[in-house]
Amino acid sequence: MKIIISFLIFFCIGFKTANSDAIIGQWENPDGTRRIEIFKGEKAYLGKVVWLKVKEPKAKPGDIVLDDFQFQDSYWNGKITLPGESHIFNAELRLQSRDRLEIKVFYHNMSRKKVWKRIP
């Protein structure tokens, strides 16, 4: 019985860890004009701009736009920063599928969602 319980605990912990890393990779916005790379930092998940279709005065590759995202059950909570501005918003990341990432940004009592696609 102890072996079965140990196996179940190990399986559940391993499964949760694997799910938490599922957002790691490159993602493209719905317009196809911007790509970010989500990676695991020391304490949280971060995202930086890696490609822009058109040069933007406020955004450039290397800018950190996703900060302090923590995995909680089936989604990630953190902050989104608009490049070149001091606006910081609460946000959620949810995987709709392996290749579809819903980014939901909150502003006061309103929210806005966009679905980004994974870049292979």
C-alpha atoms as a PDB file:
ATOM      1  CA  MET A   1       0.000   0.000   0.000  1.00  0.00           C
ATOM      2  CA  LYS A   2       2.856   2.423   0.826  1.00  0.00           C
ATOM      3  CA  ILE A   3       4.332   1.816  -2.628  1.00  0.00           C
ATOM      4  CA  ILE A   4       1.061   2.720  -4.313  1.00  0.00           C
ATOM      5  CA  ILE A   5       0.676   5.902  -2.250  1.00  0.00           C
ATOM      6  CA  SER A   6       4.302   6.873  -2.928  1.00  0.00           C
ATOM      7  CA  PHE A   7       3.792   6.299  -6.648  1.00  0.00           C
ATOM      8  CA  LEU A   8       0.623   8.418  -6.682  1.00  0.00           C
ATOM      9  CA  ILE A   9       2.330  11.283  -4.828  1.00  0.00           C
ATOM     10  CA  PHE A  10       5.323  11.132  -7.177  1.00  0.00           C
ATOM     11  CA  PHE A  11       3.048  10.998 -10.239  1.00  0.00           C
ATOM     12  CA  CYS A  12       0.935  13.968  -9.093  1.00  0.00           C
ATOM     13  CA  ILE A  13       3.962  16.129  -8.240  1.00  0.00           C
ATOM     14  CA  GLY A  14       5.619  15.262 -11.556  1.00  0.00           C
ATOM     15  CA  PHE A  15       2.416  15.971 -13.482  1.00  0.00           C
ATOM     16  CA  LYS A  16       1.959  19.383 -11.863  1.00  0.00           C
ATOM     17  CA  THR A  17       5.574  20.352 -12.612  1.00  0.00           C
ATOM     18  CA  ALA A  18       5.223  19.280 -16.245  1.00  0.00           C
ATOM     19  CA  ASN A  19       2.029  21.318 -16.614  1.00  0.00           C
ATOM     20  CA  SER A  20       3.591  24.416 -15.084  1.00  0.00           C
ATOM     21  CA  ASP A  21       6.316  24.450 -17.772  1.00  0.00           C
ATOM     22  CA  ALA A  22       3.842  24.007 -20.640  1.00  0.00           C
ATOM     23  CA  ILE A  23       3.869  27.735 -21.509  1.00  0.00           C
ATOM     24  CA  ILE A  24       7.633  27.812 -22.093  1.00  0.00           C
ATOM     25  CA  GLY A  25       8.436  28.686 -25.710  1.00  0.00           C
ATOM     26  CA  GLN A  26       7.799  31.344 -28.330  1.00  0.00           C
ATOM     27  CA  TRP A  27       4.348  32.787 -28.987  1.00  0.00           C
ATOM     28  CA  GLU A  28       2.976  35.072 -31.708  1.00  0.00           C
ATOM     29  CA  ASN A  29       0.171  37.606 -31.230  1.00  0.00           C
ATOM     30  CA  PRO A  30      -3.083  37.335 -33.258  1.00  0.00           C
ATOM     31  CA  ASP A  31      -1.962  40.035 -35.733  1.00  0.00           C
ATOM     32  CA  GLY A  32       1.329  38.260 -36.448  1.00  0.00           C
ATOM     33  CA  THR A  33       3.256  41.440 -35.607  1.00  0.00           C
ATOM     34  CA  ARG A  34       4.960  40.484 -32.344  1.00  0.00           C
ATOM     35  CA  ARG A  35       6.558  37.420 -30.779  1.00  0.00           C
ATOM     36  CA  ILE A  36       7.439  36.804 -27.169  1.00  0.00           C
ATOM     37  CA  GLU A  37       9.460  34.084 -25.543  1.00  0.00           C
ATOM     38  CA  ILE A  38       8.247  32.746 -22.215  1.00  0.00           C
ATOM     39  CA  PHE A  39      10.937  31.227 -20.020  1.00  0.00           C
ATOM     40  CA  LYS A  40      11.406  30.124 -16.439  1.00  0.00           C
ATOM     41  CA  GLY A  41      13.310  32.491 -14.189  1.00  0.00           C
ATOM     42  CA  GLU A  42      14.604  31.728 -10.706  1.00  0.00           C
ATOM     43  CA  LYS A  43      11.243  32.222  -8.982  1.00  0.00           C
ATOM     44  CA  ALA A  44       8.669  32.803 -11.736  1.00  0.00           C
ATOM     45  CA  TYR A  45       7.907  32.706 -15.452  1.00  0.00           C
ATOM     46  CA  LEU A  46       8.905  35.709 -17.548  1.00  0.00           C
ATOM     47  CA  GLY A  47       8.307  36.773 -21.124  1.00  0.00           C
ATOM     48  CA  LYS A  48      10.399  38.977 -23.381  1.00  0.00           C
ATOM     49  CA  VAL A  49       9.899  40.440 -26.836  1.00  0.00           C
ATOM     50  CA  VAL A  50      11.981  38.472 -29.365  1.00  0.00           C
ATOM     51  CA  TRP A  51      10.641  39.740 -32.699  1.00  0.00           C
ATOM     52  CA  LEU A  52       8.679  42.672 -34.103  1.00  0.00           C
ATOM     53  CA  LYS A  53       7.360  42.812 -37.668  1.00  0.00           C
ATOM     54  CA  VAL A  54       7.508  46.601 -37.688  1.00  0.00           C
ATOM     55  CA  LYS A  55       9.933  48.688 -35.698  1.00  0.00           C
ATOM     56  CA  GLU A  56       8.092  50.260 -32.771  1.00  0.00           C
ATOM     57  CA  PRO A  57       9.350  53.326 -30.928  1.00  0.00           C
ATOM     58  CA  LYS A  58       8.447  51.944 -27.491  1.00  0.00           C
ATOM     59  CA  ALA A  59       9.121  48.200 -27.889  1.00  0.00           C
ATOM     60  CA  LYS A  60      12.315  46.415 -28.811  1.00  0.00           C
ATOM     61  CA  PRO A  61      13.598  42.844 -28.684  1.00  0.00           C
ATOM     62  CA  GLY A  62      14.741  41.977 -25.179  1.00  0.00           C
ATOM     63  CA  ASP A  63      12.058  44.003 -23.368  1.00  0.00           C
ATOM     64  CA  ILE A  64      10.514  42.016 -20.505  1.00  0.00           C
ATOM     65  CA  VAL A  65       6.730  42.263 -20.890  1.00  0.00           C
ATOM     66  CA  LEU A  66       5.545  39.328 -18.744  1.00  0.00           C
ATOM     67  CA  ASP A  67       6.760  39.306 -15.167  1.00  0.00           C
ATOM     68  CA  ASP A  68       6.339  37.227 -12.023  1.00  0.00           C
ATOM     69  CA  PHE A  69       3.921  34.634 -13.445  1.00  0.00           C
ATOM     70  CA  GLN A  70       3.187  31.882 -10.931  1.00  0.00           C
ATOM     71  CA  PHE A  71       1.468  28.598 -11.777  1.00  0.00           C
ATOM     72  CA  GLN A  72      -1.782  27.980  -9.863  1.00  0.00           C
ATOM     73  CA  ASP A  73      -3.707  24.788 -10.672  1.00  0.00           C
ATOM     74  CA  SER A  74      -4.493  25.337 -14.371  1.00  0.00           C
ATOM     75  CA  TYR A  75      -3.336  28.887 -15.091  1.00  0.00           C
ATOM     76  CA  TRP A  76      -0.557  31.393 -14.420  1.00  0.00           C
ATOM     77  CA  ASN A  77      -1.008  34.755 -12.599  1.00  0.00           C
ATOM     78  CA  GLY A  78       1.364  37.665 -13.016  1.00  0.00           C
ATOM     79  CA  LYS A  79       1.944  41.137 -14.398  1.00  0.00           C
ATOM     80  CA  ILE A  80       2.105  42.540 -17.933  1.00  0.00           C
ATOM     81  CA  THR A  81       4.061  45.705 -18.682  1.00  0.00           C
ATOM     82  CA  LEU A  82       3.532  47.786 -21.796  1.00  0.00           C
ATOM     83  CA  PRO A  83       6.967  48.361 -23.388  1.00  0.00           C
ATOM     84  CA  GLY A  84       8.327  51.865 -22.882  1.00  0.00           C
ATOM     85  CA  GLU A  85       5.540  52.809 -20.467  1.00  0.00           C
ATOM     86  CA  SER A  86       4.980  52.535 -16.753  1.00  0.00           C
ATOM     87  CA  HIS A  87       1.612  50.793 -17.095  1.00  0.00           C
ATOM     88  CA  ILE A  88       1.542  47.449 -15.291  1.00  0.00           C
ATOM     89  CA  PHE A  89      -1.546  45.241 -15.403  1.00  0.00           C
ATOM     90  CA  ASN A  90      -2.573  42.049 -13.626  1.00  0.00           C
ATOM     91  CA  ALA A  91      -2.926  39.176 -16.066  1.00  0.00           C
ATOM     92  CA  GLU A  92      -3.681  35.472 -16.440  1.00  0.00           C
ATOM     93  CA  LEU A  93      -2.252  32.999 -18.904  1.00  0.00           C
ATOM     94  CA  ARG A  94      -4.262  29.883 -19.790  1.00  0.00           C
ATOM     95  CA  LEU A  95      -3.467  27.190 -22.301  1.00  0.00           C
ATOM     96  CA  GLN A  96      -6.464  26.483 -24.515  1.00  0.00           C
ATOM     97  CA  SER A  97      -4.428  23.752 -26.191  1.00  0.00           C
ATOM     98  CA  ARG A  98      -0.755  22.924 -26.571  1.00  0.00           C
ATOM     99  CA  ASP A  99      -0.448  25.600 -29.291  1.00  0.00           C
ATOM    100  CA  ARG A 100      -2.956  28.245 -28.121  1.00  0.00           C
ATOM    101  CA  LEU A 101      -2.298  30.594 -25.198  1.00  0.00           C
ATOM    102  CA  GLU A 102      -5.029  32.864 -23.894  1.00  0.00           C
ATOM    103  CA  ILE A 103      -3.686  36.070 -22.370  1.00  0.00           C
ATOM    104  CA  LYS A 104      -6.246  37.896 -20.232  1.00  0.00           C
ATOM    105  CA  VAL A 105      -5.381  41.382 -18.972  1.00  0.00           C
ATOM    106  CA  PHE A 106      -7.301  43.067 -16.154  1.00  0.00           C
ATOM    107  CA  TYR A 107      -7.873  46.795 -15.763  1.00  0.00           C
ATOM    108  CA  HIS A 108     -10.050  47.798 -12.786  1.00  0.00           C
ATOM    109  CA  ASN A 109     -13.264  45.783 -13.290  1.00  0.00           C
ATOM    110  CA  MET A 110     -12.708  45.172 -17.018  1.00  0.00           C
ATOM    111  CA  SER A 111     -10.658  42.563 -18.832  1.00  0.00           C
ATOM    112  CA  ARG A 112      -9.504  41.826 -22.361  1.00  0.00           C
ATOM    113  CA  LYS A 113      -8.442  38.493 -23.873  1.00  0.00           C
ATOM    114  CA  LYS A 114      -6.272  37.598 -26.837  1.00  0.00           C
ATOM    115  CA  VAL A 115      -5.196  34.170 -28.029  1.00  0.00           C
ATOM    116  CA  TRP A 116      -1.571  33.811 -29.097  1.00  0.00           C
ATOM    117  CA  LYS A 117      -0.248  30.849 -31.106  1.00  0.00           C
ATOM    118  CA  ARG A 118       2.874  28.820 -30.415  1.00  0.00           C
ATOM    119  CA  ILE A 119       5.807  29.211 -32.799  1.00  0.00           C
ATOM    120  CA  PRO A 120       7.382  25.795 -33.472  1.00  0.00           C
END
